[in-house]
Amino acid sequence: MKKSTMKSLVNYIDTHAIAELADVRAEIVAELAKDEAKAQANRDLYAEAHDVVIEAMSHLTAPAPVSEIYEEVAENLPEGFSKGKVQYAITRLWTDEIVKVEGKVNAYALKA
């Protein structure tokens, strides 16, 4: 079930005061809270990794592929932060700080 659907159901139950659905509402609210907690933990993980990756990239003398950047920072990243997560962050989350250099293998560097 989509989050928007769950939120709509909670709003409907709240505005129509259907006592029989109180248990359903409680379960939906708990599920939404669990999802939000997981999302916040993920945001915190990326925020922690951000400083590590950006610091390492500031010492690069030339643009580097994700694999090289990951090798440089792997031991300093939070537990469970994989090469794929570094790639996702570099290509999707931190694009305002990082420039992509197109090539057979794309390379990345900090924006000047």
Protein backbone atom coordinates (compact mmCIF):
# COMPACT_ATOMS: atom_id res chain seq x y z
CA MET A 1 0.00 0.00 0.00
CA LYS A 2 1.33 3.44 -0.89
CA LYS A 3 2.12 5.94 1.84
CA SER A 4 -0.32 8.43 0.34
CA THR A 5 -3.09 5.83 0.52
CA MET A 6 -2.29 5.07 4.14
CA LYS A 7 -2.27 8.76 5.01
CA SER A 8 -5.61 9.22 3.24
CA LEU A 9 -7.11 6.34 5.23
CA VAL A 10 -5.88 7.81 8.51
CA ASN A 11 -7.36 11.20 7.59
CA TYR A 12 -10.66 9.58 6.60
CA ILE A 13 -10.87 7.63 9.85
CA ASP A 14 -10.01 10.76 11.85
CA THR A 15 -12.64 12.92 10.16
CA HIS A 16 -15.42 10.34 10.22
CA ALA A 17 -14.95 9.03 13.77
CA ILE A 18 -15.53 5.40 12.91
CA ALA A 19 -14.77 3.61 16.17
CA GLU A 20 -14.54 0.18 14.54
CA LEU A 21 -11.59 1.37 12.50
CA ALA A 22 -9.54 2.62 15.46
CA ASP A 23 -7.37 -0.50 15.42
CA VAL A 24 -6.79 -0.17 11.68
CA ARG A 25 -5.83 3.45 12.16
CA ALA A 26 -3.36 2.55 14.91
CA GLU A 27 -1.70 -0.07 12.69
CA ILE A 28 -1.43 2.32 9.77
CA VAL A 29 0.02 5.08 11.95
CA ALA A 30 2.57 2.62 13.39
CA GLU A 31 3.58 1.52 9.89
CA LEU A 32 3.99 5.13 8.73
CA ALA A 33 6.11 5.90 11.80
CA LYS A 34 8.31 2.86 11.16
CA ASP A 35 8.83 3.91 7.54
CA GLU A 36 9.67 7.45 8.61
CA ALA A 37 12.18 6.20 11.19
CA LYS A 38 13.86 4.05 8.53
CA ALA A 39 13.95 6.97 6.10
CA GLN A 40 15.45 9.27 8.74
CA ALA A 41 18.12 6.70 9.61
CA ASN A 42 18.99 6.49 5.91
CA ARG A 43 19.19 10.29 5.61
CA ASP A 44 21.47 10.37 8.67
CA LEU A 45 23.69 7.67 7.13
CA TYR A 46 24.09 9.65 3.89
CA ALA A 47 24.79 12.84 5.87
CA GLU A 48 27.54 11.07 7.80
CA ALA A 49 29.08 9.69 4.62
CA HIS A 50 28.87 13.07 2.88
CA ASP A 51 31.70 14.67 4.84
CA VAL A 52 33.94 11.62 4.38
CA VAL A 53 33.45 11.50 0.61
CA ILE A 54 33.69 15.25 0.03
CA GLU A 55 36.84 15.48 2.16
CA ALA A 56 38.49 12.68 0.16
CA MET A 57 37.44 14.22 -3.13
CA SER A 58 38.94 17.57 -2.11
CA HIS A 59 42.36 15.89 -2.24
CA LEU A 60 41.92 14.50 -5.76
CA THR A 61 44.22 16.00 -8.38
CA ALA A 62 41.98 14.82 -11.26
CA PRO A 63 38.42 13.55 -11.66
CA ALA A 64 38.08 9.92 -10.55
CA PRO A 65 35.57 7.14 -11.15
CA VAL A 66 33.30 6.05 -8.32
CA SER A 67 35.34 2.86 -7.82
CA GLU A 68 38.49 4.86 -7.02
CA ILE A 69 36.63 7.27 -4.79
CA TYR A 70 35.07 4.37 -2.92
CA GLU A 71 38.45 2.66 -2.45
CA GLU A 72 39.78 5.88 -0.95
CA VAL A 73 36.96 6.31 1.56
CA ALA A 74 35.71 2.77 2.26
CA GLU A 75 37.37 2.35 5.65
CA ASN A 76 36.04 5.71 6.90
CA LEU A 77 32.43 5.27 5.78
CA PRO A 78 29.64 4.28 8.17
CA GLU A 79 29.06 0.55 8.48
CA GLY A 80 27.01 -0.81 5.60
CA PHE A 81 27.69 2.13 3.30
CA SER A 82 28.47 0.35 0.04
CA LYS A 83 30.02 1.41 -3.24
CA GLY A 84 26.51 1.53 -4.70
CA LYS A 85 25.43 4.01 -2.04
CA VAL A 86 28.47 6.17 -2.77
CA GLN A 87 27.57 6.10 -6.47
CA TYR A 88 23.94 6.97 -5.73
CA ALA A 89 24.97 9.87 -3.50
CA ILE A 90 27.49 11.24 -5.98
CA THR A 91 25.17 10.96 -8.98
CA ARG A 92 21.85 11.89 -7.34
CA LEU A 93 22.16 13.54 -3.93
CA TRP A 94 25.28 15.69 -4.05
CA THR A 95 25.09 16.93 -7.64
CA ASP A 96 25.22 20.54 -6.49
CA GLU A 97 28.76 19.90 -5.17
CA ILE A 98 30.09 17.37 -7.67
CA VAL A 99 30.62 17.60 -11.41
CA LYS A 100 30.41 14.60 -13.73
CA VAL A 101 33.07 14.16 -16.40
CA GLU A 102 31.67 12.01 -19.21
CA GLY A 103 33.86 9.23 -20.55
CA LYS A 104 34.03 5.50 -21.17
CA VAL A 105 33.90 5.35 -17.39
CA ASN A 106 32.40 8.50 -15.92
CA ALA A 107 34.59 10.38 -13.46
CA TYR A 108 33.65 12.84 -10.75
CA ALA A 109 35.27 15.84 -9.13
CA LEU A 110 34.24 18.62 -6.79
CA LYS A 111 32.87 21.71 -8.47
CA ALA A 112 35.29 24.60 -8.48
